[in-house]
Amino acid sequence: MNDEVMNIDWSNLSLCDSGSRVFIHNNKIYRAILKPDLQLLTILKEPFFIELVEKELFPSTKLSTTKFKGFEYVLEHETADYILYPHEWSFDMLKVASILYLKVASIALKYGYVLKDGHPFNIVFFGKYPKFVDLGSFEKGTEQNLYEFNRTMFIPLLIWSKGSYLTALNFFCDTNLSIPLNQIQSTYLGPILFAGGRKKAIKNILQYFYKEKSILFSNNVNKITKYIETIQPVAYKTEWNNYHESYFNDSEISYRFGRVIDFINELNDIETVYDIACNQGFFTFLISKKCDKLKKIIATDFDENAINTFYKTLIISEHQKISVGVANIITPNSSSFKELQPHKRLVSDCVIALALTHHLILGQKFHINVIFETFFKLTKKYLFVEFMPLGLWPGGDNPNPKIPDYYTEKWFQNNLELHFDIIKKEILEKNRMIFICIKKKI
């Protein structure tokens, strides 16, 4: 039966195709096609496209029964569980996505097609693996131009590999695609010269001028692919990059984590979970394994190194329902007004925020209502949130930092109840009290 799409939620990142546009309807991704762009329908039958879908490099796509006034045809695409933008990827996610793009270009070129777009916003992670998602990017041709790819993906990866994460972030978040390659190339000289001392700088300069510079302006897909496969990031410390290492070394599940797992399993209507501040993913892996009814899990942390460790573990694991990303939930990065905010992309049945609020309140000085309003937007139903009565106390024999007079259990609960009804609360450890809540109907 055909549906008439009445209220279209057009994708703000799909603006440039003259004959088609992407939209979202009932949480599914569609592409509406005008008559002048009917060649898109023929692409679905092309050998290169069939190969891409079979190799899971492009989402499965079919002609839909959905109709919309003004469009002759509508295609339905396989839809990712969660959308994570390029600025929410870790280093290895960007590296894997870059190799994916080149693999797609290589297969298309084999059949006489090229990609006209080379930016990372046409790549989406379906769980732990990326797929190229822009059907309108394929056109007939015999020579692949990689200028845009080199500018928006390859050189930011090189910059990041030298430890300059924030500099790289600014370049692969450039949705206007306005920064020319020679300017980015000049910027790359900074990380080359200042990453690791004089001897390292000399080595980096020689490598750049004798190897990388020629590759950066190359259109040789195989040559660039082989080089990207060898790129490894220099080690640099971030605040929480190894916080979970002790958990992975412990053979037993702690009482605290065991109780949270029990709470999830006791509620029958939780199918999706958002693990906020997941660090290296120890708890995320636990609930993926111990909570059978969960169908999808999204896990994020603002520490890019912790998430990269998580992603590398995820890649070699058997877990299929986990998506990961780098995100600050209170002040999210955004490269453009065109992007959907996190609460429209990452919303789940249950938000879990363990050992987080004391850092946001006492460390980063966010207002408690801002925090709970954010949780409210991100959850469809439930919130599991911990209160740390001793504040930023690091545990053990360490002295407890002074706690503000206002910072009490009653104050925390009163503010929580502005947005949620409390189902139960329980002390899990000396400095950990968990609140199990359900979202208020407003």
Protein backbone atom coordinates (compact mmCIF):
# COMPACT_ATOMS: atom_id res chain seq x y z
CA MET A 1 0.00 0.00 0.00
CA ASN A 2 1.31 3.45 -0.95
CA ASP A 3 1.74 6.18 1.65
CA GLU A 4 1.39 9.86 0.82
CA VAL A 5 4.20 11.71 2.61
CA MET A 6 2.57 14.80 4.08
CA ASN A 7 5.23 16.25 6.36
CA ILE A 8 8.68 15.85 4.87
CA ASP A 9 11.74 16.16 7.10
CA TRP A 10 14.27 17.13 4.44
CA SER A 11 17.93 16.48 5.09
CA ASN A 12 19.74 19.81 5.45
CA LEU A 13 22.92 18.13 4.23
CA SER A 14 21.27 17.15 0.93
CA LEU A 15 21.00 20.45 -0.92
CA CYS A 16 23.01 20.23 -4.13
CA ASP A 17 21.43 17.49 -6.26
CA SER A 18 19.21 19.16 -8.83
CA GLY A 19 17.01 16.16 -9.50
CA SER A 20 16.72 14.45 -6.11
CA ARG A 21 16.67 15.09 -2.37
CA VAL A 22 17.05 13.00 0.73
CA PHE A 23 14.41 13.04 3.44
CA ILE A 24 13.49 11.21 6.63
CA HIS A 25 10.05 9.67 7.17
CA ASN A 26 9.11 7.37 10.06
CA ASN A 27 12.81 7.08 10.99
CA LYS A 28 13.73 5.78 7.53
CA ILE A 29 15.92 7.40 4.89
CA TYR A 30 14.45 8.08 1.43
CA ARG A 31 15.59 9.80 -1.75
CA ALA A 32 12.90 11.51 -3.79
CA ILE A 33 13.64 11.63 -7.54
CA LEU A 34 12.41 14.07 -10.19
CA LYS A 35 11.94 12.91 -13.78
CA PRO A 36 15.09 14.70 -15.05
CA ASP A 37 17.19 12.57 -12.68
CA LEU A 38 15.90 9.16 -13.72
CA GLN A 39 19.46 7.98 -14.42
CA LEU A 40 19.67 7.36 -10.67
CA LEU A 41 17.25 4.48 -11.17
CA THR A 42 19.54 2.90 -13.75
CA ILE A 43 22.47 3.07 -11.30
CA LEU A 44 20.65 0.59 -9.07
CA LYS A 45 21.11 -2.03 -11.79
CA GLU A 46 24.71 -1.19 -12.64
CA PRO A 47 27.29 -3.93 -11.85
CA PHE A 48 29.44 -1.56 -9.76
CA PHE A 49 26.47 -0.63 -7.56
CA ILE A 50 25.41 -4.25 -7.09
CA GLU A 51 28.99 -5.06 -6.07
CA LEU A 52 29.07 -2.17 -3.58
CA VAL A 53 25.87 -3.32 -1.91
CA GLU A 54 26.97 -6.97 -1.84
CA LYS A 55 30.24 -5.96 -0.17
CA GLU A 56 28.30 -3.78 2.31
CA LEU A 57 30.06 -0.63 1.16
CA PHE A 58 26.77 1.09 0.23
CA PRO A 59 23.38 0.76 1.99
CA SER A 60 20.88 -1.59 0.40
CA THR A 61 18.49 0.49 -1.72
CA LYS A 62 15.14 -0.28 -3.32
CA LEU A 63 12.29 1.43 -5.11
CA SER A 64 9.78 2.41 -2.43
CA THR A 65 6.01 2.44 -2.47
CA THR A 66 6.15 5.81 -0.69
CA LYS A 67 4.81 8.62 -2.85
CA PHE A 68 5.17 12.38 -2.63
CA LYS A 69 3.55 15.05 -4.77
CA GLY A 70 6.00 16.34 -7.38
CA PHE A 71 8.25 13.27 -7.31
CA GLU A 72 7.83 10.43 -9.76
CA TYR A 73 9.89 7.92 -7.79
CA VAL A 74 11.14 7.46 -4.24
CA LEU A 75 14.02 5.22 -3.20
CA GLU A 76 14.27 3.69 0.26
CA HIS A 77 17.75 3.29 1.77
CA GLU A 78 18.93 1.02 4.54
CA THR A 79 19.03 3.27 7.62
CA ALA A 80 21.80 3.46 10.21
CA ASP A 81 20.84 3.03 13.86
CA TYR A 82 22.44 6.36 14.78
CA ILE A 83 23.91 9.18 12.70
CA LEU A 84 27.37 10.33 13.78
CA TYR A 85 28.93 13.23 11.90
CA PRO A 86 32.63 13.27 10.90
CA HIS A 87 33.56 15.56 13.81
CA GLU A 88 32.22 12.80 16.08
CA TRP A 89 34.62 10.16 14.75
CA SER A 90 37.81 9.01 16.42
CA PHE A 91 41.15 8.78 14.59
CA ASP A 92 40.70 5.17 13.48
CA MET A 93 37.10 5.86 12.47
CA LEU A 94 38.35 8.61 10.14
CA LYS A 95 41.05 6.28 8.85
CA VAL A 96 38.58 3.44 8.19
CA ALA A 97 36.16 5.88 6.54
CA SER A 98 38.95 7.21 4.29
CA ILE A 99 39.88 3.71 3.15
CA LEU A 100 36.17 2.97 2.58
CA TYR A 101 35.85 6.00 0.29
CA LEU A 102 38.85 4.93 -1.77
CA LYS A 103 37.56 1.37 -2.01
CA VAL A 104 34.20 2.64 -3.32
CA ALA A 105 36.01 4.88 -5.83
CA SER A 106 38.16 1.97 -7.00
CA ILE A 107 35.18 -0.34 -7.61
CA ALA A 108 33.20 2.38 -9.40
CA LEU A 109 36.19 3.25 -11.59
CA LYS A 110 36.51 -0.38 -12.62
CA TYR A 111 33.07 -0.10 -14.27
CA GLY A 112 33.50 3.38 -15.77
CA TYR A 113 32.08 5.48 -12.94
CA VAL A 114 33.66 8.07 -10.62
CA LEU A 115 32.65 9.92 -7.46
CA LYS A 116 32.08 13.65 -7.90
CA ASP A 117 32.04 14.32 -4.12
CA GLY A 118 34.97 13.56 -1.84
CA HIS A 119 33.93 14.94 1.55
CA PRO A 120 33.30 12.83 4.68
CA PHE A 121 29.65 13.82 5.13
CA ASN A 122 28.71 11.23 2.49
CA ILE A 123 29.93 8.47 4.80
CA VAL A 124 27.86 7.04 7.66
CA PHE A 125 28.80 4.44 10.25
CA PHE A 126 26.38 1.52 10.41
CA GLY A 127 27.44 0.26 13.83
CA LYS A 128 31.20 -0.24 13.66
CA TYR A 129 31.54 -0.18 9.87
CA PRO A 130 31.14 2.82 7.52
CA LYS A 131 29.23 2.93 4.25
CA PHE A 132 29.22 5.49 1.45
CA VAL A 133 25.63 6.80 1.27
CA ASP A 134 25.32 9.32 -1.58
CA LEU A 135 23.75 7.74 -4.66
CA GLY A 136 23.80 11.10 -6.43
CA SER A 137 27.60 11.25 -6.21
CA PHE A 138 28.17 8.62 -8.91
CA GLU A 139 28.67 9.72 -12.50
CA LYS A 140 30.24 8.22 -15.59
CA GLY A 141 33.95 8.86 -16.01
CA THR A 142 37.35 7.28 -16.52
CA GLU A 143 39.54 9.30 -14.12
CA GLN A 144 38.82 9.82 -10.44
CA ASN A 145 39.58 13.30 -9.13
CA LEU A 146 40.66 13.06 -5.47
CA TYR A 147 41.26 16.78 -4.79
CA GLU A 148 38.29 17.13 -2.45
CA PHE A 149 39.03 13.85 -0.68
CA ASN A 150 42.68 14.82 -0.18
CA ARG A 151 41.60 18.17 1.20
CA THR A 152 38.78 17.10 3.53
CA MET A 153 39.83 13.62 4.65
CA PHE A 154 43.42 12.67 3.79
CA ILE A 155 45.32 15.73 5.04
CA PRO A 156 43.20 16.11 8.22
CA LEU A 157 44.11 12.49 8.95
CA LEU A 158 47.79 13.35 8.51
CA ILE A 159 47.47 16.39 10.77
CA TRP A 160 45.74 14.30 13.44
CA SER A 161 48.41 11.61 13.16
CA LYS A 162 50.94 14.20 14.41
CA GLY A 163 48.82 14.75 17.54
CA SER A 164 47.06 17.95 16.40
CA TYR A 165 43.48 16.76 16.92
CA LEU A 166 41.76 20.14 17.21
CA THR A 167 43.47 21.49 14.08
CA ALA A 168 42.39 18.43 12.10
CA LEU A 169 38.88 18.71 13.51
CA ASN A 170 38.44 22.18 12.03
CA PHE A 171 39.23 20.90 8.55
CA PHE A 172 37.11 17.76 8.28
CA CYS A 173 34.18 19.64 9.83
CA ASP A 174 34.19 22.15 7.00
CA THR A 175 30.76 21.54 5.46
CA ASN A 176 31.19 24.56 3.18
CA LEU A 177 34.28 22.84 1.73
CA SER A 178 35.84 26.26 1.33
CA ILE A 179 39.42 25.82 2.55
CA PRO A 180 41.77 25.16 -0.41
CA LEU A 181 44.24 22.30 -0.24
CA ASN A 182 47.34 24.54 -0.38
CA GLN A 183 46.20 26.38 2.77
CA ILE A 184 45.62 23.13 4.64
CA GLN A 185 48.97 21.93 3.36
CA SER A 186 50.63 25.01 4.89
CA THR A 187 48.84 24.39 8.17
CA TYR A 188 50.20 20.84 8.20
CA LEU A 189 53.73 22.23 8.40
CA GLY A 190 52.99 23.35 11.98
CA PRO A 191 52.36 19.85 13.39
CA ILE A 192 55.30 18.55 11.33
CA LEU A 193 57.71 21.06 12.89
CA PHE A 194 56.46 21.04 16.48
CA ALA A 195 55.40 17.42 17.09
CA GLY A 196 58.12 15.68 19.06
CA GLY A 197 61.30 17.73 19.16
CA ARG A 198 64.04 18.68 16.70
CA LYS A 199 65.01 15.20 15.51
CA LYS A 200 61.40 14.24 14.98
CA ALA A 201 60.77 17.50 13.11
CA ILE A 202 63.62 16.81 10.69
CA LYS A 203 62.32 13.31 10.05
CA ASN A 204 58.78 14.65 9.51
CA ILE A 205 59.98 17.34 7.07
CA LEU A 206 61.95 14.83 5.01
CA GLN A 207 59.00 12.45 4.93
CA TYR A 208 56.69 15.26 3.87
CA PHE A 209 58.79 16.64 1.02
CA TYR A 210 60.00 13.28 -0.32
CA LYS A 211 56.79 11.29 0.06
CA GLU A 212 53.63 12.93 1.40
CA LYS A 213 53.62 16.09 -0.73
CA SER A 214 53.39 14.21 -4.02
CA ILE A 215 50.69 11.92 -2.65
CA LEU A 216 48.59 14.86 -1.41
CA PHE A 217 48.12 16.14 -4.96
CA SER A 218 47.73 12.69 -6.47
CA ASN A 219 44.66 11.07 -8.01
CA ASN A 220 46.11 7.57 -7.68
CA VAL A 221 43.54 5.66 -5.62
CA ASN A 222 45.74 2.63 -4.93
CA LYS A 223 48.77 4.72 -3.98
CA ILE A 224 46.84 6.83 -1.47
CA THR A 225 45.06 3.77 -0.06
CA LYS A 226 48.33 2.00 0.65
CA TYR A 227 49.75 5.08 2.34
CA ILE A 228 46.70 5.67 4.54
CA GLU A 229 46.82 2.06 5.68
CA THR A 230 50.27 2.75 7.16
CA ILE A 231 49.34 5.93 9.06
CA GLN A 232 49.43 5.65 12.85
CA PRO A 233 48.85 8.48 15.33
CA VAL A 234 51.55 9.65 17.70
CA ALA A 235 50.73 8.96 21.34
CA TYR A 236 49.43 11.97 23.23
CA LYS A 237 47.68 12.13 26.58
CA THR A 238 44.11 13.20 27.17
CA GLU A 239 42.39 13.59 30.53
CA TRP A 240 40.44 10.31 30.52
CA ASN A 241 42.16 8.24 27.83
CA ASN A 242 42.93 5.23 30.11
CA TYR A 243 40.25 5.54 32.81
CA HIS A 244 38.72 2.13 32.06
CA GLU A 245 41.93 0.11 31.77
CA SER A 246 41.68 -1.18 35.34
CA TYR A 247 38.12 -2.40 34.68
CA PHE A 248 39.21 -4.47 31.68
CA ASN A 249 41.90 -6.09 33.85
CA ASP A 250 39.36 -7.14 36.48
CA SER A 251 37.94 -10.63 35.89
CA GLU A 252 34.82 -10.02 38.03
CA ILE A 253 31.90 -7.65 37.45
CA SER A 254 31.65 -5.14 40.27
CA TYR A 255 28.55 -5.00 42.46
CA ARG A 256 27.83 -1.54 41.08
CA PHE A 257 27.83 -2.59 37.42
CA GLY A 258 25.92 -5.76 38.27
CA ARG A 259 23.12 -3.75 39.88
CA VAL A 260 22.82 -1.40 36.90
CA ILE A 261 22.55 -4.43 34.63
CA ASP A 262 19.82 -5.79 36.91
CA PHE A 263 17.91 -2.51 36.67
CA ILE A 264 18.02 -2.61 32.86
CA ASN A 265 16.82 -6.21 32.74
CA GLU A 266 13.99 -5.53 35.22
CA LEU A 267 12.44 -2.97 32.87
CA ASN A 268 10.74 -4.70 29.95
CA ASP A 269 10.48 -1.73 27.57
CA ILE A 270 14.14 -0.82 27.08
CA GLU A 271 15.42 -1.75 23.62
CA THR A 272 17.87 1.11 23.03
CA VAL A 273 20.41 2.64 25.41
CA TYR A 274 22.62 5.73 25.30
CA ASP A 275 25.72 5.26 27.47
CA ILE A 276 26.95 8.82 28.06
CA ALA A 277 30.60 9.31 29.08
CA CYS A 278 31.36 5.70 28.16
CA ASN A 279 35.16 6.15 28.16
CA GLN A 280 36.81 3.00 26.69
CA GLY A 281 33.49 1.16 26.66
CA PHE A 282 33.86 -1.38 29.47
CA PHE A 283 30.31 -0.92 30.74
CA THR A 284 28.92 -0.64 27.20
CA PHE A 285 30.38 -4.04 26.33
CA LEU A 286 28.92 -5.45 29.56
CA ILE A 287 25.34 -4.41 28.85
CA SER A 288 25.66 -5.51 25.22
CA LYS A 289 26.55 -8.97 26.50
CA LYS A 290 24.37 -9.18 29.63
CA CYS A 291 21.17 -7.43 28.48
CA ASP A 292 19.73 -9.66 25.74
CA LYS A 293 16.71 -7.51 24.94
CA LEU A 294 18.81 -4.50 23.93
CA LYS A 295 18.75 -4.01 20.17
CA LYS A 296 20.86 -0.86 19.82
CA ILE A 297 23.42 0.91 21.99
CA ILE A 298 25.02 4.29 21.34
CA ALA A 299 28.05 5.20 23.44
CA THR A 300 29.93 8.51 23.40
CA ASP A 301 32.62 10.34 25.32
CA PHE A 302 34.32 13.70 24.78
CA ASP A 303 37.77 12.11 25.10
CA GLU A 304 38.86 11.22 21.55
CA ASN A 305 41.61 8.84 22.69
CA ALA A 306 39.28 6.87 24.95
CA ILE A 307 36.79 6.51 22.09
CA ASN A 308 39.54 5.46 19.69
CA THR A 309 40.58 2.70 22.10
CA PHE A 310 36.91 1.71 22.38
CA TYR A 311 36.51 1.64 18.58
CA LYS A 312 39.61 -0.48 18.00
CA THR A 313 38.32 -2.98 20.57
CA LEU A 314 34.86 -2.92 19.01
CA ILE A 315 36.22 -3.63 15.51
CA ILE A 316 37.77 -6.95 16.59
CA SER A 317 34.86 -7.93 18.86
CA GLU A 318 31.68 -9.86 18.11
CA HIS A 319 29.45 -7.02 19.28
CA GLN A 320 27.17 -5.89 16.46
CA LYS A 321 24.68 -3.54 18.13
CA ILE A 322 27.09 -0.87 19.43
CA SER A 323 27.76 2.51 17.80
CA VAL A 324 30.46 4.82 19.21
CA GLY A 325 31.43 8.44 18.79
CA VAL A 326 33.22 11.47 20.22
CA ALA A 327 30.70 13.91 21.67
CA ASN A 328 30.24 16.52 24.36
CA ILE A 329 26.57 16.28 25.20
CA ILE A 330 26.27 19.64 26.96
CA THR A 331 28.11 21.76 24.38
CA PRO A 332 28.14 19.60 21.24
CA ASN A 333 30.48 20.34 18.36
CA SER A 334 28.71 21.39 15.21
CA SER A 335 30.21 22.29 11.88
CA SER A 336 26.99 23.76 10.48
CA PHE A 337 23.47 24.88 11.31
CA LYS A 338 22.41 22.22 8.80
CA GLU A 339 23.22 19.40 11.21
CA LEU A 340 20.68 17.67 13.39
CA GLN A 341 21.31 18.17 17.10
CA PRO A 342 22.25 15.10 19.19
CA HIS A 343 18.79 14.78 20.76
CA LYS A 344 17.37 14.20 17.26
CA ARG A 345 20.01 11.62 16.28
CA LEU A 346 21.01 9.81 19.47
CA VAL A 347 17.75 9.68 21.41
CA SER A 348 17.22 6.27 23.04
CA ASP A 349 14.81 4.47 25.38
CA CYS A 350 17.22 4.85 28.27
CA VAL A 351 20.05 7.27 29.02
CA ILE A 352 22.75 6.03 31.41
CA ALA A 353 25.02 8.62 33.04
CA LEU A 354 27.41 6.96 35.49
CA ALA A 355 30.00 8.96 37.47
CA LEU A 356 29.37 12.01 35.31
CA THR A 357 27.24 14.71 36.93
CA HIS A 358 29.78 15.65 39.63
CA HIS A 359 32.34 16.41 36.90
CA LEU A 360 29.83 18.52 34.97
CA ILE A 361 28.60 20.38 38.06
CA LEU A 362 31.73 20.77 40.20
CA GLY A 363 34.44 20.46 37.57
CA GLN A 364 33.01 22.15 34.47
CA LYS A 365 30.53 24.36 36.38
CA PHE A 366 27.45 23.56 34.31
CA HIS A 367 24.11 24.40 35.87
CA ILE A 368 22.33 21.28 37.08
CA ASN A 369 19.15 22.14 35.18
CA VAL A 370 21.09 22.38 31.92
CA ILE A 371 22.38 18.84 32.55
CA PHE A 372 18.98 17.37 33.34
CA GLU A 373 17.34 19.21 30.43
CA THR A 374 19.92 17.59 28.15
CA PHE A 375 19.20 14.13 29.58
CA PHE A 376 15.48 14.81 29.18
CA LYS A 377 15.91 15.49 25.46
CA LEU A 378 18.11 12.44 24.89
CA THR A 379 15.85 9.83 26.46
CA LYS A 380 12.47 8.58 25.34
CA LYS A 381 11.66 6.93 28.67
CA TYR A 382 14.27 6.29 31.35
CA LEU A 383 17.29 7.89 32.97
CA PHE A 384 19.84 6.07 35.14
CA VAL A 385 21.98 8.75 36.78
CA GLU A 386 24.51 8.63 39.61
CA PHE A 387 24.93 11.21 42.35
CA MET A 388 28.35 11.41 43.99
CA PRO A 389 27.76 12.64 47.57
CA LEU A 390 31.50 13.19 48.14
CA GLY A 391 31.82 15.18 44.95
CA LEU A 392 35.18 14.96 43.19
CA TRP A 393 36.74 12.69 45.81
CA PRO A 394 39.16 10.41 43.89
CA GLY A 395 38.76 7.48 46.31
CA GLY A 396 41.13 5.56 48.52
CA ASP A 397 43.05 7.50 51.17
CA ASN A 398 43.00 10.69 49.14
CA PRO A 399 41.57 13.79 50.85
CA ASN A 400 38.12 14.88 49.79
CA PRO A 401 38.01 18.25 47.98
CA LYS A 402 35.73 20.81 49.61
CA ILE A 403 32.10 20.42 48.55
CA PRO A 404 29.88 23.49 48.10
CA ASP A 405 27.13 23.84 50.71
CA TYR A 406 24.40 23.54 48.08
CA TYR A 407 25.72 20.22 46.76
CA THR A 408 23.51 17.75 48.66
CA GLU A 409 21.42 14.69 47.86
CA LYS A 410 18.23 16.68 48.51
CA TRP A 411 19.33 19.47 46.15
CA PHE A 412 20.21 16.92 43.46
CA GLN A 413 16.91 15.08 43.85
CA ASN A 414 14.77 18.24 43.86
CA ASN A 415 16.30 19.37 40.56
CA LEU A 416 16.05 15.89 39.08
CA GLU A 417 12.33 15.76 39.89
CA LEU A 418 11.69 18.85 37.77
CA HIS A 419 12.20 16.63 34.72
CA PHE A 420 11.83 13.02 35.91
CA ASP A 421 9.83 10.86 38.31
CA ILE A 422 12.10 8.75 40.50
CA ILE A 423 11.33 5.03 40.46
CA LYS A 424 14.02 4.06 42.95
CA LYS A 425 17.36 5.15 44.35
CA GLU A 426 20.09 3.00 45.80
CA ILE A 427 23.55 3.42 47.27
CA LEU A 428 25.99 1.38 45.16
CA GLU A 429 29.31 2.43 46.68
CA LYS A 430 30.63 4.94 49.22
CA ASN A 431 30.53 7.75 46.70
CA ARG A 432 27.92 6.45 44.26
CA MET A 433 24.14 6.68 44.59
CA ILE A 434 22.04 5.80 41.56
CA PHE A 435 18.62 7.22 40.67
CA ILE A 436 16.37 5.19 38.35
CA CYS A 437 13.94 7.63 36.76
CA ILE A 438 11.19 7.86 34.18
CA LYS A 439 10.68 10.91 32.00
CA LYS A 440 7.87 13.26 33.01
CA LYS A 441 5.11 13.81 30.49
CA ILE A 442 5.10 17.50 29.64
